[in-house]
């Protein structure tokens, strides 16, 4: 279940990252509200995942999902640069995220 929490947290990171753009420095009410709610949800699920997954692994995957997802949405929906080089490195990032998951034998965080 922790991996599902981590994926949900990463997806909500995409939502709040996109929301930051539309909140215009928190000057637009509804985009700001959506952004703040998404931040709370994202960190709630991230903290749930941290109960069972090592922090280094969790954080790498959490930020990777957020960064790659936000970049992909930017290219698809906001007409941001979609050069082959950028796409190559996004694919490389996604391969890294999957790789980290596959080699993570430390699903349970180490205790003190």
C-alpha atoms as a PDB file:
ATOM      1  CA  UNK A   1       0.000   0.000   0.000  1.00  0.00           C
ATOM      2  CA  UNK A   2       2.933   2.334   0.673  1.00  0.00           C
ATOM      3  CA  UNK A   3       3.885   2.369  -3.014  1.00  0.00           C
ATOM      4  CA  UNK A   4       0.333   3.367  -3.943  1.00  0.00           C
ATOM      5  CA  UNK A   5       0.521   6.181  -1.377  1.00  0.00           C
ATOM      6  CA  UNK A   6       3.787   7.297  -2.927  1.00  0.00           C
ATOM      7  CA  UNK A   7       2.314   7.359  -6.443  1.00  0.00           C
ATOM      8  CA  UNK A   8      -0.704   9.324  -5.223  1.00  0.00           C
ATOM      9  CA  UNK A   9       1.628  11.781  -3.480  1.00  0.00           C
ATOM     10  CA  UNK A  10       3.616  12.217  -6.696  1.00  0.00           C
ATOM     11  CA  UNK A  11       0.467  12.787  -8.749  1.00  0.00           C
ATOM     12  CA  UNK A  12      -0.720  15.455  -6.334  1.00  0.00           C
ATOM     13  CA  UNK A  13       2.720  17.037  -6.556  1.00  0.00           C
ATOM     14  CA  UNK A  14       2.005  17.504 -10.261  1.00  0.00           C
ATOM     15  CA  UNK A  15      -1.324  19.139  -9.391  1.00  0.00           C
ATOM     16  CA  UNK A  16       0.196  21.612  -6.953  1.00  0.00           C
ATOM     17  CA  UNK A  17       3.127  22.405  -9.221  1.00  0.00           C
ATOM     18  CA  UNK A  18       0.732  23.251 -12.042  1.00  0.00           C
ATOM     19  CA  UNK A  19      -1.467  25.112  -9.575  1.00  0.00           C
ATOM     20  CA  UNK A  20       1.438  27.348  -8.621  1.00  0.00           C
ATOM     21  CA  UNK A  21       1.579  28.576 -12.206  1.00  0.00           C
ATOM     22  CA  UNK A  22      -2.107  29.442 -12.284  1.00  0.00           C
ATOM     23  CA  UNK A  23      -2.226  30.918  -8.779  1.00  0.00           C
ATOM     24  CA  UNK A  24       0.032  33.714 -10.059  1.00  0.00           C
ATOM     25  CA  UNK A  25       1.927  34.077  -6.805  1.00  0.00           C
ATOM     26  CA  UNK A  26      -1.169  33.202  -4.765  1.00  0.00           C
ATOM     27  CA  UNK A  27      -3.025  36.233  -6.131  1.00  0.00           C
ATOM     28  CA  UNK A  28      -5.773  34.164  -7.802  1.00  0.00           C
ATOM     29  CA  UNK A  29      -8.193  32.711  -5.258  1.00  0.00           C
ATOM     30  CA  UNK A  30      -9.357  29.392  -6.726  1.00  0.00           C
ATOM     31  CA  UNK A  31      -6.073  28.264  -8.235  1.00  0.00           C
ATOM     32  CA  UNK A  32      -4.464  29.130  -4.882  1.00  0.00           C
ATOM     33  CA  UNK A  33      -7.053  27.096  -2.974  1.00  0.00           C
ATOM     34  CA  UNK A  34      -6.592  24.099  -5.306  1.00  0.00           C
ATOM     35  CA  UNK A  35      -2.814  24.414  -4.961  1.00  0.00           C
ATOM     36  CA  UNK A  36      -2.893  24.493  -1.161  1.00  0.00           C
ATOM     37  CA  UNK A  37      -5.278  21.546  -0.972  1.00  0.00           C
ATOM     38  CA  UNK A  38      -3.093  19.562  -3.378  1.00  0.00           C
ATOM     39  CA  UNK A  39       0.007  20.356  -1.277  1.00  0.00           C
ATOM     40  CA  UNK A  40      -1.687  19.047   1.867  1.00  0.00           C
ATOM     41  CA  UNK A  41      -2.908  15.895   0.119  1.00  0.00           C
ATOM     42  CA  UNK A  42       0.475  15.320  -1.503  1.00  0.00           C
ATOM     43  CA  UNK A  43       2.407  15.589   1.738  1.00  0.00           C
ATOM     44  CA  UNK A  44      -0.183  13.526   3.621  1.00  0.00           C
ATOM     45  CA  UNK A  45       0.282  10.590   1.242  1.00  0.00           C
ATOM     46  CA  UNK A  46       4.046  11.128   1.125  1.00  0.00           C
ATOM     47  CA  UNK A  47       4.190  10.894   4.923  1.00  0.00           C
ATOM     48  CA  UNK A  48       2.087   7.708   4.833  1.00  0.00           C
ATOM     49  CA  UNK A  49       4.522   6.166   2.332  1.00  0.00           C
ATOM     50  CA  UNK A  50       7.480   7.084   4.537  1.00  0.00           C
ATOM     51  CA  UNK A  51       6.185   4.741   7.227  1.00  0.00           C
ATOM     52  CA  UNK A  52       7.178   1.757   5.077  1.00  0.00           C
ATOM     53  CA  UNK A  53       9.606   2.974   2.396  1.00  0.00           C
ATOM     54  CA  UNK A  54      13.073   4.373   3.014  1.00  0.00           C
ATOM     55  CA  UNK A  55      13.218   8.165   2.854  1.00  0.00           C
ATOM     56  CA  UNK A  56      15.847   8.301   0.096  1.00  0.00           C
ATOM     57  CA  UNK A  57      13.907   5.967  -2.142  1.00  0.00           C
ATOM     58  CA  UNK A  58      10.607   7.697  -1.361  1.00  0.00           C
ATOM     59  CA  UNK A  59      11.896  11.181  -1.998  1.00  0.00           C
ATOM     60  CA  UNK A  60      13.607  10.249  -5.261  1.00  0.00           C
ATOM     61  CA  UNK A  61      10.437   8.671  -6.612  1.00  0.00           C
ATOM     62  CA  UNK A  62       8.133  11.383  -5.227  1.00  0.00           C
ATOM     63  CA  UNK A  63      10.099  14.202  -6.831  1.00  0.00           C
ATOM     64  CA  UNK A  64      10.698  12.197 -10.003  1.00  0.00           C
ATOM     65  CA  UNK A  65       6.989  11.628 -10.548  1.00  0.00           C
ATOM     66  CA  UNK A  66       6.303  15.294  -9.871  1.00  0.00           C
ATOM     67  CA  UNK A  67       9.085  16.619 -12.084  1.00  0.00           C
ATOM     68  CA  UNK A  68       8.486  14.267 -15.008  1.00  0.00           C
ATOM     69  CA  UNK A  69       4.702  14.598 -14.830  1.00  0.00           C
ATOM     70  CA  UNK A  70       4.807  18.378 -14.648  1.00  0.00           C
ATOM     71  CA  UNK A  71       7.236  18.560 -17.572  1.00  0.00           C
ATOM     72  CA  UNK A  72       5.080  16.223 -19.669  1.00  0.00           C
ATOM     73  CA  UNK A  73       1.910  18.208 -18.954  1.00  0.00           C
ATOM     74  CA  UNK A  74       3.787  21.397 -19.762  1.00  0.00           C
ATOM     75  CA  UNK A  75       4.778  20.013 -23.142  1.00  0.00           C
ATOM     76  CA  UNK A  76       1.365  18.552 -23.956  1.00  0.00           C
ATOM     77  CA  UNK A  77      -0.982  21.204 -22.570  1.00  0.00           C
ATOM     78  CA  UNK A  78       1.080  24.396 -22.371  1.00  0.00           C
ATOM     79  CA  UNK A  79       3.101  24.141 -25.588  1.00  0.00           C
ATOM     80  CA  UNK A  80       6.407  24.072 -23.740  1.00  0.00           C
ATOM     81  CA  UNK A  81       9.524  22.866 -25.558  1.00  0.00           C
ATOM     82  CA  UNK A  82       9.171  19.228 -26.600  1.00  0.00           C
ATOM     83  CA  UNK A  83      12.551  18.690 -28.201  1.00  0.00           C
ATOM     84  CA  UNK A  84      13.867  15.181 -28.685  1.00  0.00           C
ATOM     85  CA  UNK A  85      16.622  15.898 -26.175  1.00  0.00           C
ATOM     86  CA  UNK A  86      14.114  16.931 -23.512  1.00  0.00           C
ATOM     87  CA  UNK A  87      11.932  13.899 -24.201  1.00  0.00           C
ATOM     88  CA  UNK A  88      14.995  11.633 -24.069  1.00  0.00           C
ATOM     89  CA  UNK A  89      15.957  12.889 -20.624  1.00  0.00           C
ATOM     90  CA  UNK A  90      12.366  12.647 -19.347  1.00  0.00           C
ATOM     91  CA  UNK A  91      12.278   9.024 -20.493  1.00  0.00           C
ATOM     92  CA  UNK A  92      15.635   8.510 -18.799  1.00  0.00           C
ATOM     93  CA  UNK A  93      14.171   9.987 -15.587  1.00  0.00           C
ATOM     94  CA  UNK A  94      11.164   7.677 -15.779  1.00  0.00           C
ATOM     95  CA  UNK A  95      13.443   4.678 -16.360  1.00  0.00           C
ATOM     96  CA  UNK A  96      15.388   5.765 -13.279  1.00  0.00           C
ATOM     97  CA  UNK A  97      12.202   5.944 -11.208  1.00  0.00           C
ATOM     98  CA  UNK A  98      11.203   2.438 -12.293  1.00  0.00           C
ATOM     99  CA  UNK A  99      14.764   1.231 -11.675  1.00  0.00           C
ATOM    100  CA  UNK A 100      14.811   2.628  -8.159  1.00  0.00           C
ATOM    101  CA  UNK A 101      11.553   0.814  -7.439  1.00  0.00           C
ATOM    102  CA  UNK A 102      12.827  -2.452  -8.892  1.00  0.00           C
ATOM    103  CA  UNK A 103      16.080  -2.486  -6.931  1.00  0.00           C
ATOM    104  CA  UNK A 104      14.586  -1.212  -3.682  1.00  0.00           C
ATOM    105  CA  UNK A 105      15.081  -4.059  -1.297  1.00  0.00           C
ATOM    106  CA  UNK A 106      14.861  -1.507   1.496  1.00  0.00           C
ATOM    107  CA  UNK A 107      11.088  -1.102   1.323  1.00  0.00           C
ATOM    108  CA  UNK A 108      11.078  -0.791   5.084  1.00  0.00           C
ATOM    109  CA  UNK A 109      12.952   2.246   6.358  1.00  0.00           C
ATOM    110  CA  UNK A 110      15.837   1.633   8.677  1.00  0.00           C
ATOM    111  CA  UNK A 111      15.252   2.292  12.348  1.00  0.00           C
ATOM    112  CA  UNK A 112      17.630   4.375  14.322  1.00  0.00           C
END
